[in-house]
Protein backbone atom coordinates (compact mmCIF):
# COMPACT_ATOMS: atom_id res chain seq x y z
CA MET A 1 86.03 117.20 98.21
CA GLU A 2 86.43 114.81 95.30
CA THR A 3 89.04 115.34 92.58
CA TYR A 4 87.84 115.65 88.97
CA ASP A 5 90.04 115.78 85.88
CA ASP A 6 87.65 114.52 83.23
CA ASP A 7 89.50 116.11 80.31
CA LEU A 8 92.92 115.15 81.75
CA THR A 9 94.35 118.65 81.53
CA VAL A 10 95.76 118.35 85.07
CA PHE A 11 97.35 114.98 84.30
CA ALA A 12 98.75 116.27 81.01
CA GLY A 13 100.38 119.18 82.80
CA SER A 14 101.69 117.64 86.00
CA GLY A 15 100.91 113.92 86.07
CA ALA A 16 99.11 112.05 88.83
CA ALA A 17 99.80 112.62 92.52
CA PRO A 18 103.50 111.92 93.18
CA LEU A 19 104.43 108.57 94.65
CA PRO A 20 105.92 108.71 98.15
CA ALA A 21 109.53 107.73 98.68
CA THR A 22 110.24 104.11 99.55
CA ASP A 23 113.38 102.12 100.29
CA GLU A 24 111.60 99.00 99.04
CA GLN A 25 112.22 99.28 95.32
CA GLY A 26 114.53 97.73 92.80
CA TYR A 27 114.76 95.49 89.76
CA VAL A 28 114.19 91.81 89.10
CA GLN A 29 116.09 90.36 86.18
CA HIS A 30 113.86 88.04 84.21
CA ASP A 31 113.96 86.60 80.73
CA GLY A 32 116.02 89.30 79.05
CA ALA A 33 114.63 92.29 80.95
CA CYS A 34 115.04 94.21 84.20
CA ILE A 35 111.60 94.69 85.76
CA TRP A 36 111.19 97.63 88.15
CA TYR A 37 109.06 97.35 91.27
CA ALA A 38 108.32 99.26 94.46
CA THR A 39 106.40 98.19 97.57
CA TYR A 40 104.61 100.25 100.21
CA GLY A 41 102.99 99.33 103.51
CA SER A 42 102.11 95.92 104.90
CA GLY A 43 99.13 93.60 104.84
CA VAL A 44 97.59 91.56 102.05
CA PRO A 45 99.49 92.49 98.86
CA VAL A 46 97.76 94.27 95.99
CA ILE A 47 99.70 94.40 92.73
CA LEU A 48 98.97 97.43 90.54
CA LEU A 49 99.49 97.02 86.79
CA HIS A 50 99.37 100.18 84.65
CA GLY A 51 98.19 100.59 81.08
CA GLY A 52 100.03 100.58 77.78
CA PHE A 53 102.64 103.34 77.24
CA GLY A 54 102.30 104.33 80.93
CA ASN A 55 104.20 103.66 84.12
CA ALA A 56 103.66 103.02 87.84
CA GLU A 57 103.36 106.73 88.62
CA ASN A 58 99.94 106.66 86.94
CA TRP A 59 98.69 104.99 90.16
CA GLY A 60 99.53 108.03 92.30
CA TYR A 61 95.90 108.54 93.35
CA GLN A 62 95.28 104.87 94.16
CA LEU A 63 98.32 104.14 96.33
CA PRO A 64 97.21 106.21 99.37
CA ALA A 65 93.74 104.62 99.30
CA LEU A 66 95.19 101.12 99.39
CA LEU A 67 97.56 101.97 102.24
CA GLU A 68 94.76 103.59 104.23
CA ALA A 69 92.68 100.43 103.76
CA GLY A 70 95.50 98.34 105.26
CA TYR A 71 96.95 96.71 102.14
CA GLN A 72 100.51 96.33 100.94
CA ALA A 73 100.75 98.05 97.55
CA VAL A 74 103.12 96.57 94.98
CA LEU A 75 103.83 98.67 91.90
CA ILE A 76 105.35 96.91 88.90
CA GLU A 77 106.26 98.48 85.57
CA SER A 78 105.67 96.31 82.51
CA ARG A 79 108.70 95.39 80.45
CA GLY A 80 109.81 98.27 78.26
CA HIS A 81 107.63 100.72 80.20
CA GLY A 82 108.83 103.31 82.71
CA ARG A 83 112.06 102.12 84.35
CA SER A 84 111.73 98.51 83.15
CA THR A 85 113.81 97.39 80.19
CA ARG A 86 113.04 95.00 77.35
CA ASP A 87 114.96 92.89 74.88
CA ALA A 88 114.57 92.68 71.12
CA ARG A 89 111.68 90.22 71.17
CA PRO A 90 108.14 91.38 70.40
CA LEU A 91 106.16 92.35 73.47
CA SER A 92 103.41 90.01 74.63
CA TYR A 93 100.91 89.90 77.47
CA GLU A 94 101.99 86.39 78.40
CA LEU A 95 105.63 87.48 78.67
CA MET A 96 104.56 90.42 80.84
CA ALA A 97 102.52 88.08 83.06
CA SER A 98 105.59 85.89 83.54
CA ASP A 99 107.50 89.03 84.59
CA ILE A 100 104.89 89.70 87.30
CA LEU A 101 105.29 86.15 88.56
CA ALA A 102 109.08 86.62 88.71
CA VAL A 103 108.67 89.75 90.84
CA MET A 104 106.23 87.92 93.12
CA ASP A 105 108.76 85.13 93.54
CA ALA A 106 111.56 87.60 94.29
CA LEU A 107 109.40 89.35 96.90
CA LYS A 108 108.21 85.99 98.29
CA LEU A 109 104.56 86.85 97.63
CA GLU A 110 102.71 83.56 97.59
CA LYS A 111 99.42 85.17 96.53
CA ALA A 112 98.16 88.67 95.80
CA HIS A 113 95.18 90.66 94.62
CA VAL A 114 95.79 92.18 91.20
CA VAL A 115 94.39 95.52 90.01
CA GLY A 116 94.90 96.02 86.29
CA TRP A 117 94.08 98.94 84.03
CA SER A 118 93.87 98.60 80.24
CA ASP A 119 96.92 96.58 79.12
CA GLY A 120 97.54 95.95 82.82
CA ALA A 121 94.05 94.44 83.06
CA ILE A 122 94.92 92.06 80.21
CA VAL A 123 98.12 91.10 82.03
CA ALA A 124 96.11 90.57 85.23
CA LEU A 125 93.65 88.25 83.48
CA THR A 126 96.56 86.41 81.84
CA LEU A 127 98.26 85.99 85.21
CA ALA A 128 95.05 84.56 86.70
CA MET A 129 94.66 82.26 83.70
CA LYS A 130 98.22 80.93 83.60
CA TYR A 131 99.08 80.96 87.32
CA PRO A 132 95.75 80.52 89.14
CA ALA A 133 97.30 79.51 92.47
CA ARG A 134 99.00 82.90 92.80
CA VAL A 135 96.01 85.23 92.39
CA LEU A 136 93.44 86.12 95.06
CA ARG A 137 91.12 88.57 93.26
CA VAL A 138 91.34 90.56 90.03
CA PHE A 139 89.96 94.07 89.58
CA SER A 140 90.08 94.38 85.80
CA PHE A 141 89.39 97.86 84.47
CA GLY A 142 89.29 98.50 80.71
CA GLY A 143 90.76 95.15 79.70
CA SER A 144 89.92 92.75 76.87
CA SER A 145 90.49 89.13 75.87
CA GLU A 146 90.55 89.48 72.10
CA VAL A 147 91.42 92.12 69.52
CA ALA A 148 87.87 92.06 68.14
CA GLY A 149 86.55 93.36 71.46
CA VAL A 150 88.32 96.72 71.08
CA ASN A 151 87.38 99.75 68.99
CA GLU A 152 89.91 101.06 66.49
CA ILE A 153 90.29 104.82 66.88
CA SER A 154 91.56 106.55 63.75
CA ASP A 155 91.12 110.15 64.95
CA PRO A 156 92.11 110.37 68.64
CA PRO A 157 90.07 112.90 70.65
CA PRO A 158 91.88 115.54 72.76
CA VAL A 159 91.82 113.43 75.92
CA LEU A 160 93.80 110.67 74.18
CA ARG A 161 96.28 113.14 72.73
CA ARG A 162 96.83 114.64 76.18
CA ILE A 163 97.51 111.33 77.90
CA PHE A 164 99.78 110.14 75.08
CA GLY A 165 101.80 113.35 75.32
CA ARG A 166 102.20 112.84 79.07
CA HIS A 167 103.37 109.26 78.47
CA MET A 168 105.96 110.48 75.97
CA ARG A 169 107.42 112.95 78.45
CA ASP A 170 107.42 110.42 81.28
CA TYR A 171 109.15 107.85 79.10
CA ALA A 172 111.98 110.29 78.33
CA ARG A 173 112.35 111.00 82.06
CA LEU A 174 112.21 107.43 83.37
CA SER A 175 113.47 105.07 80.69
CA ALA A 176 116.97 103.67 80.35
CA THR A 177 116.53 104.41 76.63
CA PRO A 178 115.05 107.93 76.79
CA ASP A 179 115.37 108.54 73.04
CA GLY A 180 113.66 105.28 72.12
CA PHE A 181 110.00 106.16 72.51
CA ASP A 182 109.05 105.77 68.85
CA GLU A 183 110.49 102.25 68.66
CA PHE A 184 108.90 101.38 72.00
CA ALA A 185 105.51 102.78 70.94
CA ALA A 186 105.63 100.76 67.71
CA ALA A 187 106.26 97.59 69.73
CA VAL A 188 103.32 98.33 72.06
CA ASP A 189 101.09 99.23 69.13
CA LEU A 190 101.90 95.94 67.38
CA MET A 191 101.05 94.01 70.55
CA MET A 192 97.74 95.84 70.93
CA LYS A 193 96.75 95.22 67.30
CA THR A 194 97.52 91.49 67.37
CA GLN A 195 96.90 90.43 70.98
CA PRO A 196 95.31 89.09 73.11
CA ASN A 197 93.44 86.23 71.45
CA TYR A 198 91.99 84.19 74.30
CA SER A 199 89.14 81.80 73.67
CA THR A 200 86.09 81.09 75.80
CA GLN A 201 87.89 77.95 76.94
CA ASP A 202 90.95 79.98 77.95
CA LEU A 203 88.84 82.34 80.04
CA GLY A 204 87.20 79.34 81.67
CA GLN A 205 90.56 78.48 83.27
CA ILE A 206 90.38 81.56 85.51
CA ARG A 207 89.37 80.52 89.01
CA ALA A 208 89.91 83.74 90.96
CA PRO A 209 86.98 86.10 91.53
CA VAL A 210 87.13 88.84 88.89
CA ALA A 211 85.48 92.24 88.64
CA ILE A 212 85.08 93.29 85.00
CA VAL A 213 84.87 97.06 85.41
CA HIS A 214 83.55 99.04 82.46
CA ALA A 215 83.39 102.83 82.17
CA GLU A 216 80.27 104.54 80.88
CA ARG A 217 82.33 106.57 78.37
CA GLU A 218 84.90 103.86 77.60
CA GLU A 219 86.78 104.73 74.41
CA PHE A 220 88.32 101.35 73.61
CA VAL A 221 86.63 98.24 75.01
CA ARG A 222 83.20 97.59 73.55
CA PRO A 223 80.45 97.23 76.18
CA GLU A 224 79.27 93.94 74.73
CA HIS A 225 82.81 92.58 75.07
CA ALA A 226 83.01 93.59 78.74
CA GLU A 227 79.66 91.89 79.31
CA TYR A 228 80.96 88.79 77.53
CA LEU A 229 83.96 88.67 79.86
CA ALA A 230 81.71 88.93 82.91
CA ARG A 231 79.52 86.09 81.61
CA THR A 232 82.37 83.84 80.54
CA ILE A 233 84.89 83.99 83.38
CA PRO A 234 83.50 81.55 85.98
CA ALA A 235 83.67 83.75 89.08
CA ALA A 236 83.30 87.15 87.40
CA GLU A 237 80.88 90.01 87.83
CA PHE A 238 80.19 93.13 85.79
CA VAL A 239 80.78 96.49 87.49
CA ALA A 240 79.60 99.65 85.73
CA MET A 241 81.47 102.86 86.43
CA PRO A 242 79.34 105.88 85.49
CA GLY A 243 80.51 109.27 84.29
CA VAL A 244 84.08 108.31 83.37
CA SER A 245 86.09 106.98 80.46
CA HIS A 246 89.01 104.58 80.03
CA PHE A 247 91.05 106.90 82.26
CA ALA A 248 88.86 106.80 85.38
CA PRO A 249 91.77 106.30 87.85
CA LEU A 250 92.96 109.77 86.82
CA GLN A 251 89.64 111.43 86.00
CA ARG A 252 87.70 110.61 89.17
CA PRO A 253 90.08 108.75 91.48
CA ASP A 254 87.82 108.81 94.53
CA GLN A 255 85.07 107.05 92.62
CA PHE A 256 87.52 104.50 91.21
CA ASN A 257 89.11 103.90 94.61
CA ARG A 258 85.78 103.27 96.33
CA ALA A 259 84.91 100.57 93.81
CA MET A 260 88.38 99.03 93.98
CA ILE A 261 88.56 98.91 97.79
CA ALA A 262 84.98 97.65 98.11
CA TYR A 263 85.74 94.73 95.79
CA LEU A 264 89.03 93.79 97.42
CA THR A 265 87.73 93.97 100.98
CA ARG A 266 84.92 91.55 100.13
CA ALA A 267 87.58 88.85 100.16
CA THR A 268 87.99 89.19 103.93
CA SER A 269 84.50 90.31 104.97
């Protein structure tokens, strides 16, 4: 029986499914920050990159599906998010992409698939753009390449208020600076309002196959922008995800997981 949490009341109250214990976790020091990671299983590595304000625990419904499909799952928390720290510099997607590369180097991962959600999708596209030899496939859900491709929401609906409240509580529980959420949120907000700003030429540098996955009820990324990404990235395709919003991995995880696994397994079929 499939799990549904379309209004995110379950997630707001108790979070996603808990991550299993692993001895394979730690920190990689890189460029002024300590970046937290955890690995599970064996096989072709799949790096999971969460959205803005969130943390790796938001992938609790996706981790079992990847392990069952025979992949190694690698969870990485973006700098400043979850258990990862940050320095005083402004946050940027390119800096976050360089953090992912540092973790890959520390774990001796020559190449990996990358699944990104929201800000994590932007980081995934940036990684594929800047370090093309290290990326196998990208499953990009709810990401953008320019600020103009995203809607500005002045009056957040209840679903956004619920997920933001959950992120606030998780930050206080996980962060090395538990009282610093307001400052952290301002830094993330500034990044979102001013970045990314990639050109058509920039996107043309991406060589890995990319799935641009767009939700039917997407709150942020404009549909025409998602279609533009699918047309512009050389080896990209557009994947529509019906019945869900920007938070599909939590709302209808079985549906999201089927699409994710189907796209990744095409690399070896």
